Amino acid sequence: MVEAVKHGATPLEGDGKRILLILGTPKGGSLCHALGDAFAQGARSEGHVVRLLKLGEMQFDPVLRQGYDQSQNLEPDLLEAQRQIHWAEHLVFVYPVWWGGLPALLKGFFDRVFLPGFAFRYRGQSHAWDKLLTGRTADLLVTLDTPPWYFRWIYGAPAHRQMVRTILGFCGIKTRRLTEFSPVRPSSEEQRQTWLRKAELLGTRC
C-alpha cells in the first residue's frame, strides 16, 4: 500500500507526488493527448513527478484469452505498467468515451494488467475480496461527443460507473475527480483552448 504522506521518486526526478498519467486512446495526436500534456504541465509546475504511459504505443495483446482459467504471460510493456502503477500515488486516466463505454484498448489494458494477485485477491470461495491497490487516488479526464446531461440522465453514464465503481473502486483506487470535456465534435478552437487551460489547472491541484 502506498502511504499518502510519503512522496518522492528518484533524486533526479524530485520529491513531489508520484503521478502516473495513462493515455487510454489508440488515436495519436488527439484532444486526449493535448489534455494529458496540459495536466502534466500543471502538475510538474507544482513540483510533482509525472510519468506517462501511452497505451497506443505499447506492445501487448489486449485480449484476455482464457479469462482467469489459465495464466497469460505478460508482455514487457505490461510488466512495466504494473511496476509504474505500484510506484504511483496518484493515477490520471485520460480517454474518450466510445459507444457509451471505454475504448477497447483501455478495457483490454485493465483485463490484462489488473489481475488477481496484483489488483485484487478473492478470499477463498466467498464473495469477499482484498483491494490490493488501496491507498492510491485517481483523476479521470474524459472526452465525449455526447452532452454531459444527456450522457448522465438518458444513458446512465455507463462508462463513468464502470471506471469509478467496478474497476478502480473494486481494486481500492479512490476516484477523486471525474472531469468531462464535451461535446467535442461541435466544439470550437476557443472552447478547446479553454479545456486545455482547465486540464492544466487540474494538474496544479494534485
C-alpha atoms as a PDB file:
ATOM      1  CA  MET A   1       0.000   0.000   0.000  1.00  0.00           C
ATOM      2  CA  VAL A   2       1.260   3.489  -0.833  1.00  0.00           C
ATOM      3  CA  GLU A   3       1.289   5.899   2.100  1.00  0.00           C
ATOM      4  CA  ALA A   4      -0.233   9.223   1.126  1.00  0.00           C
ATOM      5  CA  VAL A   5       2.317  11.168   3.171  1.00  0.00           C
ATOM      6  CA  LYS A   6       5.326   9.530   1.582  1.00  0.00           C
ATOM      7  CA  HIS A   7       6.210  11.314  -1.652  1.00  0.00           C
ATOM      8  CA  GLY A   8       9.258  11.294  -3.869  1.00  0.00           C
ATOM      9  CA  ALA A   9      10.537   9.288  -6.805  1.00  0.00           C
ATOM     10  CA  THR A  10      14.236   9.286  -7.621  1.00  0.00           C
ATOM     11  CA  PRO A  11      16.714  12.006  -6.656  1.00  0.00           C
ATOM     12  CA  LEU A  12      16.829  13.154 -10.280  1.00  0.00           C
ATOM     13  CA  GLU A  13      13.050  13.369 -10.586  1.00  0.00           C
ATOM     14  CA  GLY A  14      12.344  15.250  -7.383  1.00  0.00           C
ATOM     15  CA  ASP A  15      10.310  14.753  -4.235  1.00  0.00           C
ATOM     16  CA  GLY A  16       6.794  15.714  -5.369  1.00  0.00           C
ATOM     17  CA  LYS A  17       3.778  13.453  -5.513  1.00  0.00           C
ATOM     18  CA  ARG A  18       4.260  10.402  -7.729  1.00  0.00           C
ATOM     19  CA  ILE A  19       1.770  10.646 -10.606  1.00  0.00           C
ATOM     20  CA  LEU A  20       1.242   8.136 -13.405  1.00  0.00           C
ATOM     21  CA  LEU A  21      -0.692   9.521 -16.365  1.00  0.00           C
ATOM     22  CA  ILE A  22      -2.253   6.877 -18.618  1.00  0.00           C
ATOM     23  CA  LEU A  23      -3.453   7.877 -22.083  1.00  0.00           C
ATOM     24  CA  GLY A  24      -6.169   5.362 -22.836  1.00  0.00           C
ATOM     25  CA  THR A  25      -6.715   6.030 -26.525  1.00  0.00           C
ATOM     26  CA  PRO A  26      -5.189   4.335 -29.569  1.00  0.00           C
ATOM     27  CA  LYS A  27      -5.558   7.547 -31.558  1.00  0.00           C
ATOM     28  CA  GLY A  28      -2.414   9.648 -31.859  1.00  0.00           C
ATOM     29  CA  GLY A  29      -2.430  13.436 -31.774  1.00  0.00           C
ATOM     30  CA  SER A  30      -5.893  13.588 -30.252  1.00  0.00           C
ATOM     31  CA  LEU A  31      -7.517  16.008 -27.846  1.00  0.00           C
ATOM     32  CA  CYS A  32      -6.843  13.438 -25.119  1.00  0.00           C
ATOM     33  CA  HIS A  33      -3.104  13.759 -25.762  1.00  0.00           C
ATOM     34  CA  ALA A  34      -3.325  17.544 -25.522  1.00  0.00           C
ATOM     35  CA  LEU A  35      -5.320  17.326 -22.285  1.00  0.00           C
ATOM     36  CA  GLY A  36      -2.807  14.895 -20.831  1.00  0.00           C
ATOM     37  CA  ASP A  37       0.096  17.156 -21.747  1.00  0.00           C
ATOM     38  CA  ALA A  38      -1.659  20.141 -20.165  1.00  0.00           C
ATOM     39  CA  PHE A  39      -2.398  18.225 -16.961  1.00  0.00           C
ATOM     40  CA  ALA A  40       1.211  17.024 -16.736  1.00  0.00           C
ATOM     41  CA  GLN A  41       2.499  20.557 -17.283  1.00  0.00           C
ATOM     42  CA  GLY A  42       0.337  21.859 -14.446  1.00  0.00           C
ATOM     43  CA  ALA A  43       1.385  19.060 -12.093  1.00  0.00           C
ATOM     44  CA  ARG A  44       5.076  19.489 -12.839  1.00  0.00           C
ATOM     45  CA  SER A  45       4.811  23.231 -12.256  1.00  0.00           C
ATOM     46  CA  GLU A  46       3.906  22.365  -8.653  1.00  0.00           C
ATOM     47  CA  GLY A  47       6.904  20.069  -8.253  1.00  0.00           C
ATOM     48  CA  HIS A  48       5.109  16.752  -8.760  1.00  0.00           C
ATOM     49  CA  VAL A  49       6.741  13.860 -10.625  1.00  0.00           C
ATOM     50  CA  VAL A  50       4.742  12.739 -13.662  1.00  0.00           C
ATOM     51  CA  ARG A  51       5.389   9.577 -15.638  1.00  0.00           C
ATOM     52  CA  LEU A  52       3.449   8.690 -18.778  1.00  0.00           C
ATOM     53  CA  LEU A  53       2.001   5.549 -20.341  1.00  0.00           C
ATOM     54  CA  LYS A  54       0.635   5.851 -23.882  1.00  0.00           C
ATOM     55  CA  LEU A  55      -1.387   2.708 -24.484  1.00  0.00           C
ATOM     56  CA  GLY A  56      -1.440   3.360 -28.228  1.00  0.00           C
ATOM     57  CA  GLU A  57       2.351   2.994 -28.354  1.00  0.00           C
ATOM     58  CA  MET A  58       2.611  -0.077 -26.128  1.00  0.00           C
ATOM     59  CA  GLN A  59       3.005  -3.585 -27.499  1.00  0.00           C
ATOM     60  CA  PHE A  60       0.574  -6.062 -25.948  1.00  0.00           C
ATOM     61  CA  ASP A  61      -2.365  -8.301 -26.740  1.00  0.00           C
ATOM     62  CA  PRO A  62      -5.444  -6.566 -25.275  1.00  0.00           C
ATOM     63  CA  VAL A  63      -7.451  -9.813 -25.244  1.00  0.00           C
ATOM     64  CA  LEU A  64      -7.528 -11.909 -22.075  1.00  0.00           C
ATOM     65  CA  ARG A  65      -7.648 -15.168 -23.999  1.00  0.00           C
ATOM     66  CA  GLN A  66      -8.684 -17.629 -21.288  1.00  0.00           C
ATOM     67  CA  GLY A  67     -10.105 -15.321 -18.652  1.00  0.00           C
ATOM     68  CA  TYR A  68      -8.691 -16.271 -15.274  1.00  0.00           C
ATOM     69  CA  ASP A  69      -8.805 -20.002 -16.032  1.00  0.00           C
ATOM     70  CA  GLN A  70      -5.258 -20.007 -17.407  1.00  0.00           C
ATOM     71  CA  SER A  71      -2.326 -17.664 -16.947  1.00  0.00           C
ATOM     72  CA  GLN A  72      -1.298 -15.493 -19.879  1.00  0.00           C
ATOM     73  CA  ASN A  73       2.278 -14.262 -19.907  1.00  0.00           C
ATOM     74  CA  LEU A  74       2.547 -10.505 -19.546  1.00  0.00           C
ATOM     75  CA  GLU A  75       4.432  -8.699 -22.290  1.00  0.00           C
ATOM     76  CA  PRO A  76       7.350  -6.481 -21.173  1.00  0.00           C
ATOM     77  CA  ASP A  77       5.247  -3.334 -21.621  1.00  0.00           C
ATOM     78  CA  LEU A  78       2.577  -4.694 -19.278  1.00  0.00           C
ATOM     79  CA  LEU A  79       5.119  -5.764 -16.666  1.00  0.00           C
ATOM     80  CA  GLU A  80       6.493  -2.236 -16.783  1.00  0.00           C
ATOM     81  CA  ALA A  81       2.962  -0.852 -16.459  1.00  0.00           C
ATOM     82  CA  GLN A  82       2.458  -2.867 -13.277  1.00  0.00           C
ATOM     83  CA  ARG A  83       5.726  -1.526 -11.872  1.00  0.00           C
ATOM     84  CA  GLN A  84       4.653   2.039 -12.649  1.00  0.00           C
ATOM     85  CA  ILE A  85       1.237   1.534 -11.029  1.00  0.00           C
ATOM     86  CA  HIS A  86       2.933   0.225  -7.875  1.00  0.00           C
ATOM     87  CA  TRP A  87       5.234   3.272  -7.961  1.00  0.00           C
ATOM     88  CA  ALA A  88       2.407   5.784  -8.315  1.00  0.00           C
ATOM     89  CA  GLU A  89       0.478   7.511  -5.557  1.00  0.00           C
ATOM     90  CA  HIS A  90      -1.964   9.134  -7.955  1.00  0.00           C
ATOM     91  CA  LEU A  91      -3.218   7.820 -11.300  1.00  0.00           C
ATOM     92  CA  VAL A  92      -4.579  10.017 -14.077  1.00  0.00           C
ATOM     93  CA  PHE A  93      -6.600   8.381 -16.840  1.00  0.00           C
ATOM     94  CA  VAL A  94      -7.267  10.394 -19.982  1.00  0.00           C
ATOM     95  CA  TYR A  95      -9.550   8.732 -22.520  1.00  0.00           C
ATOM     96  CA  PRO A  96     -12.570   9.184 -24.809  1.00  0.00           C
ATOM     97  CA  VAL A  97     -15.962   7.567 -24.385  1.00  0.00           C
ATOM     98  CA  TRP A  98     -16.846   5.492 -27.447  1.00  0.00           C
ATOM     99  CA  TRP A  99     -20.246   3.825 -27.786  1.00  0.00           C
ATOM    100  CA  GLY A 100     -21.015   4.743 -24.198  1.00  0.00           C
ATOM    101  CA  GLY A 101     -18.028   2.848 -22.815  1.00  0.00           C
ATOM    102  CA  LEU A 102     -14.252   2.634 -22.648  1.00  0.00           C
ATOM    103  CA  PRO A 103     -12.138   2.259 -25.786  1.00  0.00           C
ATOM    104  CA  ALA A 104     -11.357  -1.420 -26.396  1.00  0.00           C
ATOM    105  CA  LEU A 105      -7.638  -0.776 -25.892  1.00  0.00           C
ATOM    106  CA  LEU A 106      -8.163   0.698 -22.426  1.00  0.00           C
ATOM    107  CA  LYS A 107     -10.555  -2.085 -21.410  1.00  0.00           C
ATOM    108  CA  GLY A 108      -8.032  -4.633 -22.687  1.00  0.00           C
ATOM    109  CA  PHE A 109      -5.321  -2.938 -20.636  1.00  0.00           C
ATOM    110  CA  PHE A 110      -7.380  -3.411 -17.481  1.00  0.00           C
ATOM    111  CA  ASP A 111      -8.180  -7.020 -18.426  1.00  0.00           C
ATOM    112  CA  ARG A 112      -4.504  -7.861 -18.835  1.00  0.00           C
ATOM    113  CA  VAL A 113      -2.937  -5.747 -16.060  1.00  0.00           C
ATOM    114  CA  PHE A 114      -5.434  -5.587 -13.182  1.00  0.00           C
ATOM    115  CA  LEU A 115      -5.106  -9.283 -12.414  1.00  0.00           C
ATOM    116  CA  PRO A 116      -5.826 -11.340  -9.298  1.00  0.00           C
ATOM    117  CA  GLY A 117      -2.792 -11.095  -7.060  1.00  0.00           C
ATOM    118  CA  PHE A 118      -1.906  -7.662  -8.436  1.00  0.00           C
ATOM    119  CA  ALA A 119      -5.053  -5.525  -8.219  1.00  0.00           C
ATOM    120  CA  PHE A 120      -7.311  -7.702  -6.041  1.00  0.00           C
ATOM    121  CA  ARG A 121      -7.492 -11.080  -4.333  1.00  0.00           C
ATOM    122  CA  TYR A 122     -10.564 -13.198  -3.670  1.00  0.00           C
ATOM    123  CA  ARG A 123     -10.884 -14.733  -0.215  1.00  0.00           C
ATOM    124  CA  GLY A 124     -11.309 -18.425  -0.909  1.00  0.00           C
ATOM    125  CA  GLN A 125     -14.724 -19.301  -2.327  1.00  0.00           C
ATOM    126  CA  SER A 126     -16.541 -16.399  -0.653  1.00  0.00           C
ATOM    127  CA  HIS A 127     -17.771 -13.217  -2.297  1.00  0.00           C
ATOM    128  CA  ALA A 128     -15.287 -11.140  -0.283  1.00  0.00           C
ATOM    129  CA  TRP A 129     -12.056  -9.810  -1.724  1.00  0.00           C
ATOM    130  CA  ASP A 130      -8.995  -7.759  -0.832  1.00  0.00           C
ATOM    131  CA  LYS A 131      -8.366  -4.485  -2.642  1.00  0.00           C
ATOM    132  CA  LEU A 132      -4.649  -4.606  -3.381  1.00  0.00           C
ATOM    133  CA  LEU A 133      -4.273  -1.100  -4.837  1.00  0.00           C
ATOM    134  CA  THR A 134      -5.758   0.669  -1.813  1.00  0.00           C
ATOM    135  CA  GLY A 135      -4.083   3.957  -0.919  1.00  0.00           C
ATOM    136  CA  ARG A 136      -3.986   5.338  -4.448  1.00  0.00           C
ATOM    137  CA  THR A 137      -6.223   8.050  -5.844  1.00  0.00           C
ATOM    138  CA  ALA A 138      -7.249   8.865  -9.397  1.00  0.00           C
ATOM    139  CA  ASP A 139      -8.320  11.677 -11.673  1.00  0.00           C
ATOM    140  CA  LEU A 140     -10.366  10.895 -14.791  1.00  0.00           C
ATOM    141  CA  LEU A 141     -10.254  13.268 -17.769  1.00  0.00           C
ATOM    142  CA  VAL A 142     -12.903  12.104 -20.209  1.00  0.00           C
ATOM    143  CA  THR A 143     -13.877  13.383 -23.651  1.00  0.00           C
ATOM    144  CA  LEU A 144     -17.322  12.759 -25.134  1.00  0.00           C
ATOM    145  CA  ASP A 145     -19.316  13.829 -28.165  1.00  0.00           C
ATOM    146  CA  THR A 146     -22.492  13.436 -26.101  1.00  0.00           C
ATOM    147  CA  PRO A 147     -23.577  16.427 -23.981  1.00  0.00           C
ATOM    148  CA  PRO A 148     -22.912  15.630 -20.300  1.00  0.00           C
ATOM    149  CA  TRP A 149     -26.548  15.948 -19.233  1.00  0.00           C
ATOM    150  CA  TYR A 150     -27.673  13.525 -21.939  1.00  0.00           C
ATOM    151  CA  PHE A 151     -24.943  11.012 -21.127  1.00  0.00           C
ATOM    152  CA  ARG A 152     -25.851  11.104 -17.451  1.00  0.00           C
ATOM    153  CA  TRP A 153     -29.647  11.216 -17.442  1.00  0.00           C
ATOM    154  CA  ILE A 154     -30.557   9.384 -20.659  1.00  0.00           C
ATOM    155  CA  TYR A 155     -27.743   6.826 -20.940  1.00  0.00           C
ATOM    156  CA  GLY A 156     -26.991   6.499 -17.220  1.00  0.00           C
ATOM    157  CA  ALA A 157     -23.265   7.338 -17.604  1.00  0.00           C
ATOM    158  CA  PRO A 158     -22.206   3.671 -18.039  1.00  0.00           C
ATOM    159  CA  ALA A 159     -18.535   4.428 -18.751  1.00  0.00           C
ATOM    160  CA  HIS A 160     -18.230   6.531 -15.594  1.00  0.00           C
ATOM    161  CA  ARG A 161     -19.833   3.907 -13.369  1.00  0.00           C
ATOM    162  CA  GLN A 162     -17.607   1.209 -14.856  1.00  0.00           C
ATOM    163  CA  MET A 163     -14.409   3.147 -14.200  1.00  0.00           C
ATOM    164  CA  VAL A 164     -15.216   4.567 -10.781  1.00  0.00           C
ATOM    165  CA  ARG A 165     -17.021   1.612  -9.219  1.00  0.00           C
ATOM    166  CA  THR A 166     -16.364  -1.676 -10.970  1.00  0.00           C
ATOM    167  CA  ILE A 167     -12.722  -1.182 -11.982  1.00  0.00           C
ATOM    168  CA  LEU A 168     -10.903   1.369  -9.847  1.00  0.00           C
ATOM    169  CA  GLY A 169     -13.122   1.124  -6.791  1.00  0.00           C
ATOM    170  CA  PHE A 170     -13.068  -2.682  -6.888  1.00  0.00           C
ATOM    171  CA  CYS A 171      -9.262  -2.555  -6.611  1.00  0.00           C
ATOM    172  CA  GLY A 172      -9.178   0.112  -3.888  1.00  0.00           C
ATOM    173  CA  ILE A 173      -8.357   3.165  -6.019  1.00  0.00           C
ATOM    174  CA  LYS A 174     -10.432   6.157  -4.947  1.00  0.00           C
ATOM    175  CA  THR A 175     -11.513   8.442  -7.788  1.00  0.00           C
ATOM    176  CA  ARG A 176     -11.009  11.983  -6.591  1.00  0.00           C
ATOM    177  CA  ARG A 177     -12.304  13.859  -9.637  1.00  0.00           C
ATOM    178  CA  LEU A 178     -14.031  12.983 -12.892  1.00  0.00           C
ATOM    179  CA  THR A 179     -13.917  15.838 -15.380  1.00  0.00           C
ATOM    180  CA  GLU A 180     -15.839  15.755 -18.663  1.00  0.00           C
ATOM    181  CA  PHE A 181     -14.801  17.657 -21.769  1.00  0.00           C
ATOM    182  CA  SER A 182     -17.790  17.657 -24.068  1.00  0.00           C
ATOM    183  CA  PRO A 183     -19.375  17.773 -26.509  1.00  0.00           C
ATOM    184  CA  VAL A 184     -16.156  17.548 -28.541  1.00  0.00           C
ATOM    185  CA  ARG A 185     -17.436  17.245 -32.125  1.00  0.00           C
ATOM    186  CA  PRO A 186     -19.087  20.682 -32.383  1.00  0.00           C
ATOM    187  CA  SER A 187     -16.536  22.423 -30.150  1.00  0.00           C
ATOM    188  CA  SER A 188     -14.657  25.497 -31.368  1.00  0.00           C
ATOM    189  CA  GLU A 189     -10.920  26.106 -31.132  1.00  0.00           C
ATOM    190  CA  GLU A 190     -11.642  28.653 -28.415  1.00  0.00           C
ATOM    191  CA  GLN A 191     -13.560  26.044 -26.425  1.00  0.00           C
ATOM    192  CA  ARG A 192     -10.745  23.525 -26.756  1.00  0.00           C
ATOM    193  CA  GLN A 193      -8.199  26.042 -25.548  1.00  0.00           C
ATOM    194  CA  THR A 194     -10.413  26.664 -22.537  1.00  0.00           C
ATOM    195  CA  TRP A 195     -10.456  22.921 -21.870  1.00  0.00           C
ATOM    196  CA  LEU A 196      -6.665  22.755 -22.062  1.00  0.00           C
ATOM    197  CA  ARG A 197      -6.349  25.549 -19.526  1.00  0.00           C
ATOM    198  CA  LYS A 198      -8.782  23.690 -17.275  1.00  0.00           C
ATOM    199  CA  ALA A 199      -6.727  20.480 -17.568  1.00  0.00           C
ATOM    200  CA  GLU A 200      -3.564  22.376 -16.647  1.00  0.00           C
ATOM    201  CA  LEU A 201      -5.330  23.873 -13.613  1.00  0.00           C
ATOM    202  CA  LEU A 202      -6.447  20.393 -12.542  1.00  0.00           C
ATOM    203  CA  GLY A 203      -2.815  19.303 -12.714  1.00  0.00           C
ATOM    204  CA  THR A 204      -1.771  22.040 -10.317  1.00  0.00           C
ATOM    205  CA  ARG A 205      -4.326  20.762  -7.794  1.00  0.00           C
ATOM    206  CA  CYS A 206      -2.948  17.261  -7.366  1.00  0.00           C
END
